[in-house]
PDB file of N, CA and C in Angstrom:
ATOM      1  N   UNK A   1     -16.591 -10.093 -52.017  1.00  0.00           N
ATOM      2  CA  UNK A   1     -15.700  -9.061 -51.805  1.00  0.00           C
ATOM      3  C   UNK A   1     -15.306  -7.947 -52.682  1.00  0.00           C
ATOM      4  N   UNK A   2     -16.049  -8.814 -54.018  1.00  0.00           N
ATOM      5  CA  UNK A   2     -15.130  -8.017 -55.265  1.00  0.00           C
ATOM      6  C   UNK A   2     -16.288  -6.780 -55.451  1.00  0.00           C
ATOM      7  N   UNK A   3     -17.901  -8.189 -55.286  1.00  0.00           N
ATOM      8  CA  UNK A   3     -19.600  -7.353 -55.436  1.00  0.00           C
ATOM      9  C   UNK A   3     -18.943  -5.874 -55.073  1.00  0.00           C
ATOM     10  N   UNK A   4     -18.829  -6.103 -53.903  1.00  0.00           N
ATOM     11  CA  UNK A   4     -19.075  -5.196 -53.162  1.00  0.00           C
ATOM     12  C   UNK A   4     -18.143  -3.572 -53.434  1.00  0.00           C
ATOM     13  N   UNK A   5     -16.555  -3.815 -54.152  1.00  0.00           N
ATOM     14  CA  UNK A   5     -16.531  -3.462 -54.984  1.00  0.00           C
ATOM     15  C   UNK A   5     -17.119  -2.338 -55.794  1.00  0.00           C
ATOM     16  N   UNK A   6     -17.952  -2.841 -56.463  1.00  0.00           N
ATOM     17  CA  UNK A   6     -18.997  -2.562 -57.151  1.00  0.00           C
ATOM     18  C   UNK A   6     -20.315  -2.231 -56.725  1.00  0.00           C
ATOM     19  N   UNK A   7     -20.607  -2.115 -55.917  1.00  0.00           N
ATOM     20  CA  UNK A   7     -22.883  -2.149 -55.647  1.00  0.00           C
ATOM     21  C   UNK A   7     -21.935  -0.433 -54.642  1.00  0.00           C
ATOM     22  N   UNK A   8     -21.049  -0.438 -54.134  1.00  0.00           N
ATOM     23  CA  UNK A   8     -20.634   0.269 -53.094  1.00  0.00           C
ATOM     24  C   UNK A   8     -20.721   1.906 -54.038  1.00  0.00           C
ATOM     25  N   UNK A   9     -19.696   1.682 -54.787  1.00  0.00           N
ATOM     26  CA  UNK A   9     -19.581   2.857 -55.533  1.00  0.00           C
ATOM     27  C   UNK A   9     -20.510   3.075 -56.703  1.00  0.00           C
ATOM     28  N   UNK A  10     -22.040   2.587 -56.868  1.00  0.00           N
ATOM     29  CA  UNK A  10     -23.256   2.441 -57.986  1.00  0.00           C
ATOM     30  C   UNK A  10     -23.945   3.369 -56.466  1.00  0.00           C
ATOM     31  N   UNK A  11     -24.520   2.246 -55.434  1.00  0.00           N
ATOM     32  CA  UNK A  11     -25.364   2.968 -54.887  1.00  0.00           C
ATOM     33  C   UNK A  11     -25.156   4.341 -53.655  1.00  0.00           C
ATOM     34  N   UNK A  12     -23.858   4.583 -53.884  1.00  0.00           N
ATOM     35  CA  UNK A  12     -23.151   6.289 -54.067  1.00  0.00           C
ATOM     36  C   UNK A  12     -23.429   7.283 -54.499  1.00  0.00           C
ATOM     37  N   UNK A  13     -23.428   6.482 -56.497  1.00  0.00           N
ATOM     38  CA  UNK A  13     -23.594   7.589 -57.435  1.00  0.00           C
ATOM     39  C   UNK A  13     -24.934   8.165 -57.817  1.00  0.00           C
ATOM     40  N   UNK A  14     -25.970   6.641 -57.569  1.00  0.00           N
ATOM     41  CA  UNK A  14     -27.233   6.977 -57.591  1.00  0.00           C
ATOM     42  C   UNK A  14     -28.444   7.276 -56.677  1.00  0.00           C
ATOM     43  N   UNK A  15     -27.357   7.214 -55.079  1.00  0.00           N
ATOM     44  CA  UNK A  15     -28.337   8.662 -53.690  1.00  0.00           C
ATOM     45  C   UNK A  15     -28.085   9.032 -54.324  1.00  0.00           C
ATOM     46  N   UNK A  16     -26.638  10.156 -55.113  1.00  0.00           N
ATOM     47  CA  UNK A  16     -26.400  11.313 -55.028  1.00  0.00           C
ATOM     48  C   UNK A  16     -27.714  11.926 -56.479  1.00  0.00           C
ATOM     49  N   UNK A  17     -27.542  10.952 -57.823  1.00  0.00           N
ATOM     50  CA  UNK A  17     -28.531  11.315 -58.511  1.00  0.00           C
ATOM     51  C   UNK A  17     -29.871  11.567 -57.949  1.00  0.00           C
ATOM     52  N   UNK A  18     -29.960  10.832 -56.555  1.00  0.00           N
ATOM     53  CA  UNK A  18     -31.547  11.110 -56.655  1.00  0.00           C
ATOM     54  C   UNK A  18     -31.502  12.182 -55.428  1.00  0.00           C
ATOM     55  N   UNK A  19     -30.523  12.896 -54.603  1.00  0.00           N
ATOM     56  CA  UNK A  19     -30.135  14.012 -54.436  1.00  0.00           C
ATOM     57  C   UNK A  19     -29.683  15.269 -55.069  1.00  0.00           C
ATOM     58  N   UNK A  20     -29.942  15.159 -55.981  1.00  0.00           N
ATOM     59  CA  UNK A  20     -30.200  15.757 -56.844  1.00  0.00           C
ATOM     60  C   UNK A  20     -31.143  16.699 -57.965  1.00  0.00           C
ATOM     61  N   UNK A  21     -31.664  15.142 -57.886  1.00  0.00           N
ATOM     62  CA  UNK A  21     -32.895  15.284 -58.017  1.00  0.00           C
ATOM     63  C   UNK A  21     -34.069  15.926 -57.434  1.00  0.00           C
ATOM     64  N   UNK A  22     -33.771  15.641 -56.555  1.00  0.00           N
ATOM     65  CA  UNK A  22     -34.586  16.220 -55.211  1.00  0.00           C
ATOM     66  C   UNK A  22     -34.238  18.455 -55.130  1.00  0.00           C
ATOM     67  N   UNK A  23     -32.826  18.451 -54.545  1.00  0.00           N
ATOM     68  CA  UNK A  23     -32.669  19.710 -54.778  1.00  0.00           C
ATOM     69  C   UNK A  23     -32.697  20.575 -56.278  1.00  0.00           C
ATOM     70  N   UNK A  24     -33.446  20.269 -57.191  1.00  0.00           N
ATOM     71  CA  UNK A  24     -33.708  20.226 -58.413  1.00  0.00           C
ATOM     72  C   UNK A  24     -35.457  20.956 -58.155  1.00  0.00           C
ATOM     73  N   UNK A  25     -35.256  19.883 -57.769  1.00  0.00           N
ATOM     74  CA  UNK A  25     -37.107  20.162 -57.884  1.00  0.00           C
ATOM     75  C   UNK A  25     -37.313  20.954 -56.840  1.00  0.00           C
ATOM     76  N   UNK A  26     -36.833  21.558 -56.087  1.00  0.00           N
ATOM     77  CA  UNK A  26     -36.647  22.299 -54.558  1.00  0.00           C
ATOM     78  C   UNK A  26     -36.761  23.397 -55.327  1.00  0.00           C
ATOM     79  N   UNK A  27     -35.629  23.784 -55.797  1.00  0.00           N
ATOM     80  CA  UNK A  27     -35.490  25.269 -57.214  1.00  0.00           C
ATOM     81  C   UNK A  27     -35.957  25.389 -58.382  1.00  0.00           C
ATOM     82  N   UNK A  28     -36.685  24.542 -58.518  1.00  0.00           N
ATOM     83  CA  UNK A  28     -37.761  24.437 -59.680  1.00  0.00           C
ATOM     84  C   UNK A  28     -39.151  24.750 -59.380  1.00  0.00           C
ATOM     85  N   UNK A  29     -39.310  25.333 -57.994  1.00  0.00           N
ATOM     86  CA  UNK A  29     -40.695  25.910 -57.701  1.00  0.00           C
ATOM     87  C   UNK A  29     -41.413  24.721 -57.558  1.00  0.00           C
ATOM     88  N   UNK A  30     -41.432  23.789 -57.587  1.00  0.00           N
ATOM     89  CA  UNK A  30     -42.515  21.937 -57.401  1.00  0.00           C
ATOM     90  C   UNK A  30     -43.451  22.053 -55.781  1.00  0.00           C
ATOM     91  N   UNK A  31     -42.577  22.563 -55.404  1.00  0.00           N
ATOM     92  CA  UNK A  31     -43.476  22.419 -54.438  1.00  0.00           C
ATOM     93  C   UNK A  31     -44.356  23.622 -53.847  1.00  0.00           C
ATOM     94  N   UNK A  32     -44.100  24.752 -54.970  1.00  0.00           N
ATOM     95  CA  UNK A  32     -44.939  26.396 -54.234  1.00  0.00           C
ATOM     96  C   UNK A  32     -46.130  25.374 -53.876  1.00  0.00           C
ATOM     97  N   UNK A  33     -46.918  25.283 -54.014  1.00  0.00           N
ATOM     98  CA  UNK A  33     -48.232  25.737 -54.869  1.00  0.00           C
ATOM     99  C   UNK A  33     -49.047  23.745 -53.765  1.00  0.00           C
ATOM    100  N   UNK A  34     -48.795  24.362 -52.511  1.00  0.00           N
ATOM    101  CA  UNK A  34     -49.692  22.613 -52.089  1.00  0.00           C
ATOM    102  C   UNK A  34     -50.660  22.748 -51.436  1.00  0.00           C
ATOM    103  N   UNK A  35     -51.478  23.913 -51.362  1.00  0.00           N
ATOM    104  CA  UNK A  35     -53.172  24.348 -51.474  1.00  0.00           C
ATOM    105  C   UNK A  35     -53.535  23.957 -52.234  1.00  0.00           C
ATOM    106  N   UNK A  36     -52.870  24.720 -54.022  1.00  0.00           N
ATOM    107  CA  UNK A  36     -54.351  24.624 -54.920  1.00  0.00           C
ATOM    108  C   UNK A  36     -53.995  22.873 -55.601  1.00  0.00           C
ATOM    109  N   UNK A  37     -53.717  22.080 -55.122  1.00  0.00           N
ATOM    110  CA  UNK A  37     -53.997  21.224 -55.599  1.00  0.00           C
ATOM    111  C   UNK A  37     -55.026  20.482 -54.962  1.00  0.00           C
ATOM    112  N   UNK A  38     -55.473  20.660 -53.642  1.00  0.00           N
ATOM    113  CA  UNK A  38     -56.171  20.222 -52.806  1.00  0.00           C
ATOM    114  C   UNK A  38     -58.042  20.940 -52.995  1.00  0.00           C
ATOM    115  N   UNK A  39     -57.485  22.213 -53.167  1.00  0.00           N
ATOM    116  CA  UNK A  39     -58.378  22.460 -54.033  1.00  0.00           C
ATOM    117  C   UNK A  39     -59.283  22.533 -55.435  1.00  0.00           C
ATOM    118  N   UNK A  40     -58.487  22.002 -56.277  1.00  0.00           N
ATOM    119  CA  UNK A  40     -58.253  21.790 -57.386  1.00  0.00           C
ATOM    120  C   UNK A  40     -59.307  20.346 -57.529  1.00  0.00           C
ATOM    121  N   UNK A  41     -58.823  19.878 -56.488  1.00  0.00           N
ATOM    122  CA  UNK A  41     -59.505  18.017 -56.880  1.00  0.00           C
ATOM    123  C   UNK A  41     -61.359  17.766 -56.655  1.00  0.00           C
ATOM    124  N   UNK A  42     -60.992  19.509 -55.879  1.00  0.00           N
ATOM    125  CA  UNK A  42     -62.480  19.307 -54.925  1.00  0.00           C
ATOM    126  C   UNK A  42     -64.067  20.129 -55.826  1.00  0.00           C
ATOM    127  N   UNK A  43     -62.674  20.989 -56.838  1.00  0.00           N
ATOM    128  CA  UNK A  43     -63.976  22.103 -57.644  1.00  0.00           C
ATOM    129  C   UNK A  43     -64.317  21.340 -58.940  1.00  0.00           C
ATOM    130  N   UNK A  44     -65.907  21.843 -59.559  1.00  0.00           N
ATOM    131  CA  UNK A  44     -66.734  21.232 -60.217  1.00  0.00           C
ATOM    132  C   UNK A  44     -66.812  21.481 -61.390  1.00  0.00           C
ATOM    133  N   UNK A  45     -65.664  22.465 -61.624  1.00  0.00           N
ATOM    134  CA  UNK A  45     -65.943  22.415 -63.435  1.00  0.00           C
ATOM    135  C   UNK A  45     -64.699  22.628 -63.994  1.00  0.00           C
ATOM    136  N   UNK A  46     -64.815  21.007 -63.338  1.00  0.00           N
ATOM    137  CA  UNK A  46     -64.250  20.182 -64.771  1.00  0.00           C
ATOM    138  C   UNK A  46     -64.195  19.981 -65.901  1.00  0.00           C
ATOM    139  N   UNK A  47     -63.490  20.825 -66.852  1.00  0.00           N
ATOM    140  CA  UNK A  47     -64.245  20.815 -68.496  1.00  0.00           C
ATOM    141  C   UNK A  47     -63.243  18.955 -69.429  1.00  0.00           C
ATOM    142  N   UNK A  48     -62.651  18.185 -68.588  1.00  0.00           N
ATOM    143  CA  UNK A  48     -62.583  17.007 -68.904  1.00  0.00           C
ATOM    144  C   UNK A  48     -63.438  15.622 -68.748  1.00  0.00           C
ATOM    145  N   UNK A  49     -64.015  16.227 -67.469  1.00  0.00           N
ATOM    146  CA  UNK A  49     -65.421  15.285 -66.898  1.00  0.00           C
ATOM    147  C   UNK A  49     -66.319  14.454 -68.133  1.00  0.00           C
ATOM    148  N   UNK A  50     -66.749  13.420 -68.123  1.00  0.00           N
ATOM    149  CA  UNK A  50     -67.847  12.647 -68.803  1.00  0.00           C
ATOM    150  C   UNK A  50     -68.977  12.949 -68.876  1.00  0.00           C
ATOM    151  N   UNK A  51     -69.202  13.557 -69.903  1.00  0.00           N
ATOM    152  CA  UNK A  51     -70.601  13.700 -70.220  1.00  0.00           C
ATOM    153  C   UNK A  51     -71.500  12.474 -70.266  1.00  0.00           C
ATOM    154  N   UNK A  52     -72.344  13.117 -69.348  1.00  0.00           N
ATOM    155  CA  UNK A  52     -73.709  11.951 -69.341  1.00  0.00           C
ATOM    156  C   UNK A  52     -75.182  12.025 -69.563  1.00  0.00           C
TER     157      UNK A  52
END
């Protein structure tokens, strides 16, 4: 029973940190250009492609 007194606050703190990280990513515009990644992966004009 004593372990629950330790694990419950730890889990609440970790959940709160995860929520803060998610809110930060929303405010930092991390999810603004969802279409761009889809188009960039299909384009052939990569400069970092290995030469054959």
